[in-house]
């Protein structure tokens, strides 16, 4: 997909490039710029404020796996998870499960940032909203 995006954007004369500091986002930006006829030498500006929600060890896994694990942890069926789980409960449960997955001795799931709890996510979004409002 990124390769097709890079080819599709190859004639755009980018003046700047911005990305979150996550490896996948930086890699995607770099690959797109490398396909560009005008902007391949642009340095990517990395900024934590562009980060998306991080699922930790669940990154790259099927959403259904994570959703089922959260439902199981909350003691509810998947349908109840879909209809009744708050964002706060979801984020905090994913963060808890992620820590447990990483703490297993046989875990080969490290290499990702830890999943973020609700407070971490909302604080980052508050900073972004403050910046938008004042700049």
C-alpha atoms as a PDB file:
ATOM      1  CA  UNK A   1       0.000   0.000   0.000  1.00  0.00           C
ATOM      2  CA  UNK A   2       2.746   2.484   0.923  1.00  0.00           C
ATOM      3  CA  UNK A   3       4.531   1.761  -2.333  1.00  0.00           C
ATOM      4  CA  UNK A   4       1.409   2.547  -4.320  1.00  0.00           C
ATOM      5  CA  UNK A   5       0.925   5.708  -2.255  1.00  0.00           C
ATOM      6  CA  UNK A   6       4.508   6.715  -2.953  1.00  0.00           C
ATOM      7  CA  UNK A   7       4.122   6.150  -6.668  1.00  0.00           C
ATOM      8  CA  UNK A   8       0.796   7.987  -6.687  1.00  0.00           C
ATOM      9  CA  UNK A   9       2.379  10.975  -4.919  1.00  0.00           C
ATOM     10  CA  UNK A  10       5.662  10.951  -6.841  1.00  0.00           C
ATOM     11  CA  UNK A  11       4.962  14.203  -8.703  1.00  0.00           C
ATOM     12  CA  UNK A  12       3.917  16.225  -5.651  1.00  0.00           C
ATOM     13  CA  UNK A  13       6.529  18.830  -4.712  1.00  0.00           C
ATOM     14  CA  UNK A  14       6.415  18.415  -0.925  1.00  0.00           C
ATOM     15  CA  UNK A  15       7.925  21.270   1.044  1.00  0.00           C
ATOM     16  CA  UNK A  16       7.821  19.461   4.402  1.00  0.00           C
ATOM     17  CA  UNK A  17       7.041  16.028   5.771  1.00  0.00           C
ATOM     18  CA  UNK A  18       5.570  15.266   9.181  1.00  0.00           C
ATOM     19  CA  UNK A  19       5.063  11.985  10.989  1.00  0.00           C
ATOM     20  CA  UNK A  20       4.456  10.607  14.434  1.00  0.00           C
ATOM     21  CA  UNK A  21       7.545   9.136  16.030  1.00  0.00           C
ATOM     22  CA  UNK A  22       6.248   5.578  15.684  1.00  0.00           C
ATOM     23  CA  UNK A  23       8.454   3.350  13.586  1.00  0.00           C
ATOM     24  CA  UNK A  24       5.702   2.336  11.199  1.00  0.00           C
ATOM     25  CA  UNK A  25       4.657   5.933  10.511  1.00  0.00           C
ATOM     26  CA  UNK A  26       8.246   7.099   9.980  1.00  0.00           C
ATOM     27  CA  UNK A  27       8.943   4.142   7.707  1.00  0.00           C
ATOM     28  CA  UNK A  28       5.833   4.879   5.648  1.00  0.00           C
ATOM     29  CA  UNK A  29       6.735   8.565   5.288  1.00  0.00           C
ATOM     30  CA  UNK A  30      10.299   7.659   4.339  1.00  0.00           C
ATOM     31  CA  UNK A  31       9.177   5.140   1.732  1.00  0.00           C
ATOM     32  CA  UNK A  32       6.697   7.603   0.209  1.00  0.00           C
ATOM     33  CA  UNK A  33       9.350  10.315   0.004  1.00  0.00           C
ATOM     34  CA  UNK A  34      11.852   7.884  -1.499  1.00  0.00           C
ATOM     35  CA  UNK A  35       9.466   7.382  -4.451  1.00  0.00           C
ATOM     36  CA  UNK A  36       9.058  11.142  -4.935  1.00  0.00           C
ATOM     37  CA  UNK A  37      10.729  12.879  -7.876  1.00  0.00           C
ATOM     38  CA  UNK A  38      10.966  16.245  -6.108  1.00  0.00           C
ATOM     39  CA  UNK A  39      11.178  15.664  -2.373  1.00  0.00           C
ATOM     40  CA  UNK A  40      13.314  12.610  -1.663  1.00  0.00           C
ATOM     41  CA  UNK A  41      15.840  14.700   0.297  1.00  0.00           C
ATOM     42  CA  UNK A  42      13.297  16.211   2.702  1.00  0.00           C
ATOM     43  CA  UNK A  43      13.882  15.408   6.358  1.00  0.00           C
ATOM     44  CA  UNK A  44      10.873  13.947   8.152  1.00  0.00           C
ATOM     45  CA  UNK A  45       9.755  16.010  11.152  1.00  0.00           C
ATOM     46  CA  UNK A  46       8.814  13.485  13.847  1.00  0.00           C
ATOM     47  CA  UNK A  47       6.427  14.566  16.570  1.00  0.00           C
ATOM     48  CA  UNK A  48       4.868  12.580  19.427  1.00  0.00           C
ATOM     49  CA  UNK A  49       1.681  14.624  19.064  1.00  0.00           C
ATOM     50  CA  UNK A  50       0.873  12.778  15.832  1.00  0.00           C
ATOM     51  CA  UNK A  51       0.840   9.374  17.545  1.00  0.00           C
ATOM     52  CA  UNK A  52      -2.213   7.261  17.174  1.00  0.00           C
ATOM     53  CA  UNK A  53      -3.567   5.058  19.931  1.00  0.00           C
ATOM     54  CA  UNK A  54      -0.980   2.377  20.647  1.00  0.00           C
ATOM     55  CA  UNK A  55      -2.081  -1.218  21.269  1.00  0.00           C
ATOM     56  CA  UNK A  56       1.338  -2.516  22.371  1.00  0.00           C
ATOM     57  CA  UNK A  57       1.737  -6.238  21.755  1.00  0.00           C
ATOM     58  CA  UNK A  58      -1.614  -6.288  19.983  1.00  0.00           C
ATOM     59  CA  UNK A  59      -0.182  -4.148  17.145  1.00  0.00           C
ATOM     60  CA  UNK A  60      -0.299  -6.176  13.953  1.00  0.00           C
ATOM     61  CA  UNK A  61      -2.608  -8.777  15.488  1.00  0.00           C
ATOM     62  CA  UNK A  62      -6.226  -9.236  14.470  1.00  0.00           C
ATOM     63  CA  UNK A  63      -8.586  -6.741  16.107  1.00  0.00           C
ATOM     64  CA  UNK A  64     -10.879  -9.636  16.964  1.00  0.00           C
ATOM     65  CA  UNK A  65      -8.113 -11.209  19.078  1.00  0.00           C
ATOM     66  CA  UNK A  66      -7.718  -8.045  21.133  1.00  0.00           C
ATOM     67  CA  UNK A  67     -11.469  -7.473  21.417  1.00  0.00           C
ATOM     68  CA  UNK A  68     -12.054 -11.037  22.608  1.00  0.00           C
ATOM     69  CA  UNK A  69      -9.215 -10.784  25.153  1.00  0.00           C
ATOM     70  CA  UNK A  70     -10.698  -7.542  26.505  1.00  0.00           C
ATOM     71  CA  UNK A  71     -14.177  -9.054  26.681  1.00  0.00           C
ATOM     72  CA  UNK A  72     -12.809 -12.111  28.490  1.00  0.00           C
ATOM     73  CA  UNK A  73     -10.903  -9.913  30.955  1.00  0.00           C
ATOM     74  CA  UNK A  74     -14.035  -7.870  31.658  1.00  0.00           C
ATOM     75  CA  UNK A  75     -16.107 -11.049  32.065  1.00  0.00           C
ATOM     76  CA  UNK A  76     -18.503 -10.237  29.258  1.00  0.00           C
ATOM     77  CA  UNK A  77     -19.378 -11.733  25.905  1.00  0.00           C
ATOM     78  CA  UNK A  78     -18.145 -10.123  22.709  1.00  0.00           C
ATOM     79  CA  UNK A  79     -21.555  -8.634  21.865  1.00  0.00           C
ATOM     80  CA  UNK A  80     -21.599  -6.857  25.245  1.00  0.00           C
ATOM     81  CA  UNK A  81     -18.069  -5.629  24.589  1.00  0.00           C
ATOM     82  CA  UNK A  82     -19.165  -4.056  21.295  1.00  0.00           C
ATOM     83  CA  UNK A  83     -22.236  -2.400  22.792  1.00  0.00           C
ATOM     84  CA  UNK A  84     -21.296  -1.504  26.348  1.00  0.00           C
ATOM     85  CA  UNK A  85     -17.548  -1.078  26.863  1.00  0.00           C
ATOM     86  CA  UNK A  86     -16.446   2.491  27.462  1.00  0.00           C
ATOM     87  CA  UNK A  87     -13.333   3.912  25.821  1.00  0.00           C
ATOM     88  CA  UNK A  88     -11.776   4.215  29.260  1.00  0.00           C
ATOM     89  CA  UNK A  89     -12.418   0.562  30.166  1.00  0.00           C
ATOM     90  CA  UNK A  90     -11.220  -0.559  26.751  1.00  0.00           C
ATOM     91  CA  UNK A  91      -7.939   1.401  26.876  1.00  0.00           C
ATOM     92  CA  UNK A  92      -7.172   0.482  30.481  1.00  0.00           C
ATOM     93  CA  UNK A  93      -7.895  -3.192  29.866  1.00  0.00           C
ATOM     94  CA  UNK A  94      -5.716  -3.315  26.728  1.00  0.00           C
ATOM     95  CA  UNK A  95      -2.876  -1.671  28.705  1.00  0.00           C
ATOM     96  CA  UNK A  96      -3.270  -4.217  31.531  1.00  0.00           C
ATOM     97  CA  UNK A  97      -3.359  -7.192  29.160  1.00  0.00           C
ATOM     98  CA  UNK A  98      -0.381  -5.831  27.246  1.00  0.00           C
ATOM     99  CA  UNK A  99       1.703  -5.674  30.437  1.00  0.00           C
ATOM    100  CA  UNK A 100       0.725  -9.250  31.246  1.00  0.00           C
ATOM    101  CA  UNK A 101       1.655 -10.425  27.745  1.00  0.00           C
ATOM    102  CA  UNK A 102       5.048  -8.736  27.990  1.00  0.00           C
ATOM    103  CA  UNK A 103       5.755 -10.142  31.440  1.00  0.00           C
ATOM    104  CA  UNK A 104       5.475 -13.756  30.307  1.00  0.00           C
ATOM    105  CA  UNK A 105       8.915 -15.350  30.349  1.00  0.00           C
ATOM    106  CA  UNK A 106       8.452 -16.876  26.910  1.00  0.00           C
ATOM    107  CA  UNK A 107       7.211 -13.631  25.404  1.00  0.00           C
ATOM    108  CA  UNK A 108       8.661 -12.729  22.036  1.00  0.00           C
ATOM    109  CA  UNK A 109       6.206  -9.838  21.711  1.00  0.00           C
ATOM    110  CA  UNK A 110       8.492  -7.056  22.899  1.00  0.00           C
ATOM    111  CA  UNK A 111       9.731  -4.441  20.483  1.00  0.00           C
ATOM    112  CA  UNK A 112       6.515  -2.422  20.533  1.00  0.00           C
ATOM    113  CA  UNK A 113       5.800   0.488  22.796  1.00  0.00           C
ATOM    114  CA  UNK A 114       3.608  -0.479  25.694  1.00  0.00           C
ATOM    115  CA  UNK A 115      -0.114  -0.103  25.157  1.00  0.00           C
ATOM    116  CA  UNK A 116      -1.361   3.185  26.515  1.00  0.00           C
ATOM    117  CA  UNK A 117      -3.919   3.561  29.257  1.00  0.00           C
ATOM    118  CA  UNK A 118      -6.813   5.997  29.041  1.00  0.00           C
ATOM    119  CA  UNK A 119      -5.114   8.739  31.053  1.00  0.00           C
ATOM    120  CA  UNK A 120      -2.036   8.741  28.794  1.00  0.00           C
ATOM    121  CA  UNK A 121      -4.151   8.954  25.643  1.00  0.00           C
ATOM    122  CA  UNK A 122      -6.410  11.708  26.928  1.00  0.00           C
ATOM    123  CA  UNK A 123      -3.479  13.796  28.192  1.00  0.00           C
ATOM    124  CA  UNK A 124      -1.841  13.646  24.763  1.00  0.00           C
ATOM    125  CA  UNK A 125      -5.097  14.649  23.078  1.00  0.00           C
ATOM    126  CA  UNK A 126      -5.532  17.553  25.505  1.00  0.00           C
ATOM    127  CA  UNK A 127      -2.066  18.837  24.560  1.00  0.00           C
ATOM    128  CA  UNK A 128      -2.912  18.564  20.866  1.00  0.00           C
ATOM    129  CA  UNK A 129      -6.203  20.407  21.375  1.00  0.00           C
ATOM    130  CA  UNK A 130      -4.405  23.127  23.361  1.00  0.00           C
ATOM    131  CA  UNK A 131      -1.864  23.583  20.582  1.00  0.00           C
ATOM    132  CA  UNK A 132      -4.603  23.755  17.940  1.00  0.00           C
ATOM    133  CA  UNK A 133      -6.477  26.367  19.932  1.00  0.00           C
ATOM    134  CA  UNK A 134      -3.455  28.587  20.539  1.00  0.00           C
ATOM    135  CA  UNK A 135      -1.334  28.359  17.381  1.00  0.00           C
END
